[in-house]
């Protein structure tokens, strides 16, 4: 019974980690937002980089 509980706990932690990674990627590309302006800052930096036209 203890082995079964350990397996379920591991699966739960795995899916929680996967959800965290997916959320970070979606926030980075601006598809979702958590209410903070973290994604806006990343977008502004990207736009400034494009305007500077580095080579």
PDB file of N, CA and C in Angstrom:
ATOM      1  N   UNK A   1       0.825  -1.201   0.000  1.00  0.00           N
ATOM      2  CA  UNK A   1       0.000   0.000   0.000  1.00  0.00           C
ATOM      3  C   UNK A   1       0.865   1.260   0.000  1.00  0.00           C
ATOM      4  N   UNK A   2       1.992   1.180   0.671  1.00  0.00           N
ATOM      5  CA  UNK A   2       2.886   2.331   0.728  1.00  0.00           C
ATOM      6  C   UNK A   2       3.482   2.634  -0.646  1.00  0.00           C
ATOM      7  N   UNK A   3       3.768   1.589  -1.411  1.00  0.00           N
ATOM      8  CA  UNK A   3       4.324   1.766  -2.761  1.00  0.00           C
ATOM      9  C   UNK A   3       3.322   2.478  -3.664  1.00  0.00           C
ATOM     10  N   UNK A   4       2.060   2.116  -3.556  1.00  0.00           N
ATOM     11  CA  UNK A   4       1.011   2.749  -4.368  1.00  0.00           C
ATOM     12  C   UNK A   4       0.883   4.233  -4.029  1.00  0.00           C
ATOM     13  N   UNK A   5       0.947   4.565  -2.754  1.00  0.00           N
ATOM     14  CA  UNK A   5       0.878   5.968  -2.350  1.00  0.00           C
ATOM     15  C   UNK A   5       2.068   6.762  -2.861  1.00  0.00           C
ATOM     16  N   UNK A   6       3.245   6.149  -2.844  1.00  0.00           N
ATOM     17  CA  UNK A   6       4.452   6.813  -3.352  1.00  0.00           C
ATOM     18  C   UNK A   6       4.347   7.058  -4.846  1.00  0.00           C
ATOM     19  N   UNK A   7       3.818   6.101  -5.579  1.00  0.00           N
ATOM     20  CA  UNK A   7       3.662   6.252  -7.036  1.00  0.00           C
ATOM     21  C   UNK A   7       2.688   7.384  -7.347  1.00  0.00           C
ATOM     22  N   UNK A   8       1.557   7.439  -6.635  1.00  0.00           N
ATOM     23  CA  UNK A   8       0.588   8.517  -6.878  1.00  0.00           C
ATOM     24  C   UNK A   8       1.162   9.877  -6.520  1.00  0.00           C
ATOM     25  N   UNK A   9       1.938   9.941  -5.447  1.00  0.00           N
ATOM     26  CA  UNK A   9       2.569  11.209  -5.069  1.00  0.00           C
ATOM     27  C   UNK A   9       3.554  11.656  -6.142  1.00  0.00           C
ATOM     28  N   UNK A  10       4.314  10.730  -6.673  1.00  0.00           N
ATOM     29  CA  UNK A  10       5.283  11.056  -7.719  1.00  0.00           C
ATOM     30  C   UNK A  10       4.587  11.554  -8.975  1.00  0.00           C
ATOM     31  N   UNK A  11       3.493  10.907  -9.344  1.00  0.00           N
ATOM     32  CA  UNK A  11       2.746  11.321 -10.534  1.00  0.00           C
ATOM     33  C   UNK A  11       2.164  12.722 -10.332  1.00  0.00           C
ATOM     34  N   UNK A  12       1.657  12.981  -9.129  1.00  0.00           N
ATOM     35  CA  UNK A  12       1.092  14.297  -8.839  1.00  0.00           C
ATOM     36  C   UNK A  12       2.159  15.390  -8.917  1.00  0.00           C
ATOM     37  N   UNK A  13       3.325  15.130  -8.360  1.00  0.00           N
ATOM     38  CA  UNK A  13       4.417  16.111  -8.407  1.00  0.00           C
ATOM     39  C   UNK A  13       4.885  16.317  -9.845  1.00  0.00           C
ATOM     40  N   UNK A  14       4.942  15.244 -10.633  1.00  0.00           N
ATOM     41  CA  UNK A  14       5.347  15.341 -12.031  1.00  0.00           C
ATOM     42  C   UNK A  14       4.400  16.256 -12.813  1.00  0.00           C
ATOM     43  N   UNK A  15       3.092  16.051 -12.660  1.00  0.00           N
ATOM     44  CA  UNK A  15       2.133  16.869 -13.399  1.00  0.00           C
ATOM     45  C   UNK A  15       2.106  18.310 -12.904  1.00  0.00           C
ATOM     46  N   UNK A  16       2.354  18.521 -11.609  1.00  0.00           N
ATOM     47  CA  UNK A  16       2.438  19.884 -11.092  1.00  0.00           C
ATOM     48  C   UNK A  16       3.642  20.596 -11.719  1.00  0.00           C
ATOM     49  N   UNK A  17       4.757  19.905 -11.850  1.00  0.00           N
ATOM     50  CA  UNK A  17       5.937  20.484 -12.494  1.00  0.00           C
ATOM     51  C   UNK A  17       5.701  20.775 -13.965  1.00  0.00           C
ATOM     52  N   UNK A  18       5.029  19.864 -14.651  1.00  0.00           N
ATOM     53  CA  UNK A  18       4.727  20.081 -16.066  1.00  0.00           C
ATOM     54  C   UNK A  18       3.816  21.296 -16.237  1.00  0.00           C
ATOM     55  N   UNK A  19       2.813  21.449 -15.375  1.00  0.00           N
ATOM     56  CA  UNK A  19       1.913  22.591 -15.453  1.00  0.00           C
ATOM     57  C   UNK A  19       2.675  23.885 -15.216  1.00  0.00           C
ATOM     58  N   UNK A  20       3.627  23.868 -14.288  1.00  0.00           N
ATOM     59  CA  UNK A  20       4.426  25.057 -14.024  1.00  0.00           C
ATOM     60  C   UNK A  20       5.239  25.456 -15.255  1.00  0.00           C
ATOM     61  N   UNK A  21       5.855  24.482 -15.908  1.00  0.00           N
ATOM     62  CA  UNK A  21       6.645  24.765 -17.112  1.00  0.00           C
ATOM     63  C   UNK A  21       5.757  25.302 -18.224  1.00  0.00           C
ATOM     64  N   UNK A  22       4.604  24.689 -18.438  1.00  0.00           N
ATOM     65  CA  UNK A  22       3.681  25.138 -19.490  1.00  0.00           C
ATOM     66  C   UNK A  22       3.215  26.562 -19.212  1.00  0.00           C
ATOM     67  N   UNK A  23       2.913  26.859 -17.942  1.00  0.00           N
ATOM     68  CA  UNK A  23       2.462  28.209 -17.593  1.00  0.00           C
ATOM     69  C   UNK A  23       3.532  29.252 -17.817  1.00  0.00           C
ATOM     70  N   UNK A  24       4.776  28.921 -17.481  1.00  0.00           N
ATOM     71  CA  UNK A  24       5.879  29.864 -17.692  1.00  0.00           C
ATOM     72  C   UNK A  24       6.041  30.157 -19.175  1.00  0.00           C
ATOM     73  N   UNK A  25       5.954  29.129 -20.011  1.00  0.00           N
ATOM     74  CA  UNK A  25       6.078  29.320 -21.462  1.00  0.00           C
ATOM     75  C   UNK A  25       4.936  30.170 -21.994  1.00  0.00           C
ATOM     76  N   UNK A  26       3.707  29.889 -21.566  1.00  0.00           N
ATOM     77  CA  UNK A  26       2.555  30.669 -22.033  1.00  0.00           C
ATOM     78  C   UNK A  26       2.640  32.117 -21.574  1.00  0.00           C
ATOM     79  N   UNK A  27       3.110  32.352 -20.356  1.00  0.00           N
ATOM     80  CA  UNK A  27       3.271  33.729 -19.883  1.00  0.00           C
ATOM     81  C   UNK A  27       4.368  34.443 -20.649  1.00  0.00           C
ATOM     82  N   UNK A  28       5.434  33.725 -20.981  1.00  0.00           N
ATOM     83  CA  UNK A  28       6.546  34.344 -21.699  1.00  0.00           C
ATOM     84  C   UNK A  28       6.089  34.868 -23.057  1.00  0.00           C
ATOM     85  N   UNK A  29       5.272  34.090 -23.755  1.00  0.00           N
ATOM     86  CA  UNK A  29       4.799  34.504 -25.066  1.00  0.00           C
ATOM     87  C   UNK A  29       3.568  35.393 -24.999  1.00  0.00           C
ATOM     88  N   UNK A  30       3.091  35.711 -23.800  1.00  0.00           N
ATOM     89  CA  UNK A  30       1.989  36.650 -23.638  1.00  0.00           C
ATOM     90  C   UNK A  30       0.623  36.063 -23.896  1.00  0.00           C
ATOM     91  N   UNK A  31       0.516  34.750 -23.948  1.00  0.00           N
ATOM     92  CA  UNK A  31      -0.783  34.125 -24.210  1.00  0.00           C
ATOM     93  C   UNK A  31      -1.669  34.225 -22.972  1.00  0.00           C
ATOM     94  N   UNK A  32      -1.086  34.043 -21.783  1.00  0.00           N
ATOM     95  CA  UNK A  32      -1.837  34.203 -20.548  1.00  0.00           C
ATOM     96  C   UNK A  32      -1.102  35.197 -19.652  1.00  0.00           C
ATOM     97  N   UNK A  33      -1.805  35.711 -18.658  1.00  0.00           N
ATOM     98  CA  UNK A  33      -1.186  36.623 -17.705  1.00  0.00           C
ATOM     99  C   UNK A  33      -1.737  36.307 -16.328  1.00  0.00           C
ATOM    100  N   UNK A  34      -0.897  36.429 -15.305  1.00  0.00           N
ATOM    101  CA  UNK A  34      -1.348  36.142 -13.947  1.00  0.00           C
ATOM    102  C   UNK A  34      -1.765  37.406 -13.203  1.00  0.00           C
ATOM    103  N   UNK A  35      -1.865  38.524 -13.924  1.00  0.00           N
ATOM    104  CA  UNK A  35      -2.269  39.762 -13.298  1.00  0.00           C
ATOM    105  C   UNK A  35      -1.108  40.687 -12.999  1.00  0.00           C
ATOM    106  N   UNK A  36       0.095  40.153 -12.938  1.00  0.00           N
ATOM    107  CA  UNK A  36       1.277  40.987 -12.754  1.00  0.00           C
ATOM    108  C   UNK A  36       1.792  41.426 -14.116  1.00  0.00           C
ATOM    109  N   UNK A  37       2.710  42.365 -14.143  1.00  0.00           N
ATOM    110  CA  UNK A  37       3.221  42.867 -15.409  1.00  0.00           C
ATOM    111  C   UNK A  37       4.567  42.253 -15.772  1.00  0.00           C
ATOM    112  N   UNK A  38       4.779  41.022 -15.378  1.00  0.00           N
ATOM    113  CA  UNK A  38       6.054  40.383 -15.714  1.00  0.00           C
ATOM    114  C   UNK A  38       6.185  40.177 -17.215  1.00  0.00           C
ATOM    115  N   UNK A  39       5.103  39.749 -17.865  1.00  0.00           N
ATOM    116  CA  UNK A  39       5.171  39.484 -19.299  1.00  0.00           C
ATOM    117  C   UNK A  39       5.363  40.781 -20.074  1.00  0.00           C
ATOM    118  N   UNK A  40       4.785  41.866 -19.602  1.00  0.00           N
ATOM    119  CA  UNK A  40       4.906  43.155 -20.278  1.00  0.00           C
ATOM    120  C   UNK A  40       6.365  43.594 -20.301  1.00  0.00           C
ATOM    121  N   UNK A  41       7.072  43.395 -19.207  1.00  0.00           N
ATOM    122  CA  UNK A  41       8.481  43.760 -19.162  1.00  0.00           C
ATOM    123  C   UNK A  41       9.300  42.987 -20.167  1.00  0.00           C
ATOM    124  N   UNK A  42       9.005  41.714 -20.320  1.00  0.00           N
ATOM    125  CA  UNK A  42       9.736  40.891 -21.283  1.00  0.00           C
ATOM    126  C   UNK A  42       9.440  41.374 -22.698  1.00  0.00           C
ATOM    127  N   UNK A  43       8.178  41.695 -22.980  1.00  0.00           N
ATOM    128  CA  UNK A  43       7.820  42.172 -24.318  1.00  0.00           C
ATOM    129  C   UNK A  43       8.511  43.495 -24.630  1.00  0.00           C
ATOM    130  N   UNK A  44       8.560  44.402 -23.641  1.00  0.00           N
ATOM    131  CA  UNK A  44       9.219  45.688 -23.855  1.00  0.00           C
ATOM    132  C   UNK A  44      10.697  45.500 -24.160  1.00  0.00           C
ATOM    133  N   UNK A  45      11.353  44.607 -23.450  1.00  0.00           N
ATOM    134  CA  UNK A  45      12.771  44.345 -23.703  1.00  0.00           C
ATOM    135  C   UNK A  45      12.972  43.789 -25.108  1.00  0.00           C
ATOM    136  N   UNK A  46      12.068  42.916 -25.535  1.00  0.00           N
ATOM    137  CA  UNK A  46      12.173  42.345 -26.877  1.00  0.00           C
ATOM    138  C   UNK A  46      12.009  43.421 -27.946  1.00  0.00           C
ATOM    139  N   UNK A  47      11.044  44.321 -27.733  1.00  0.00           N
ATOM    140  CA  UNK A  47      10.809  45.400 -28.698  1.00  0.00           C
ATOM    141  C   UNK A  47      11.999  46.356 -28.756  1.00  0.00           C
ATOM    142  N   UNK A  48      12.579  46.682 -27.603  1.00  0.00           N
ATOM    143  CA  UNK A  48      13.762  47.553 -27.588  1.00  0.00           C
ATOM    144  C   UNK A  48      14.924  46.908 -28.323  1.00  0.00           C
ATOM    145  N   UNK A  49      15.069  45.612 -28.165  1.00  0.00           N
ATOM    146  CA  UNK A  49      16.148  44.892 -28.846  1.00  0.00           C
ATOM    147  C   UNK A  49      15.957  44.950 -30.371  1.00  0.00           C
ATOM    148  N   UNK A  50      14.704  44.784 -30.811  1.00  0.00           N
ATOM    149  CA  UNK A  50      14.427  44.836 -32.244  1.00  0.00           C
ATOM    150  C   UNK A  50      14.677  46.238 -32.808  1.00  0.00           C
ATOM    151  N   UNK A  51      14.300  47.279 -32.057  1.00  0.00           N
ATOM    152  CA  UNK A  51      14.469  48.654 -32.527  1.00  0.00           C
ATOM    153  C   UNK A  51      15.943  49.036 -32.615  1.00  0.00           C
ATOM    154  N   UNK A  52      16.774  48.474 -31.734  1.00  0.00           N
ATOM    155  CA  UNK A  52      18.193  48.814 -31.739  1.00  0.00           C
ATOM    156  C   UNK A  52      18.914  48.216 -32.941  1.00  0.00           C
ATOM    157  N   UNK A  53      18.355  47.158 -33.522  1.00  0.00           N
ATOM    158  CA  UNK A  53      18.876  46.545 -34.741  1.00  0.00           C
ATOM    159  C   UNK A  53      20.343  46.103 -34.581  1.00  0.00           C
ATOM    160  N   UNK A  54      20.575  45.324 -33.518  1.00  0.00           N
ATOM    161  CA  UNK A  54      21.916  44.799 -33.278  1.00  0.00           C
ATOM    162  C   UNK A  54      22.290  43.785 -34.335  1.00  0.00           C
ATOM    163  N   UNK A  55      23.573  43.724 -34.645  1.00  0.00           N
ATOM    164  CA  UNK A  55      24.040  42.706 -35.609  1.00  0.00           C
ATOM    165  C   UNK A  55      25.219  41.959 -35.061  1.00  0.00           C
TER     166      UNK A  55
END
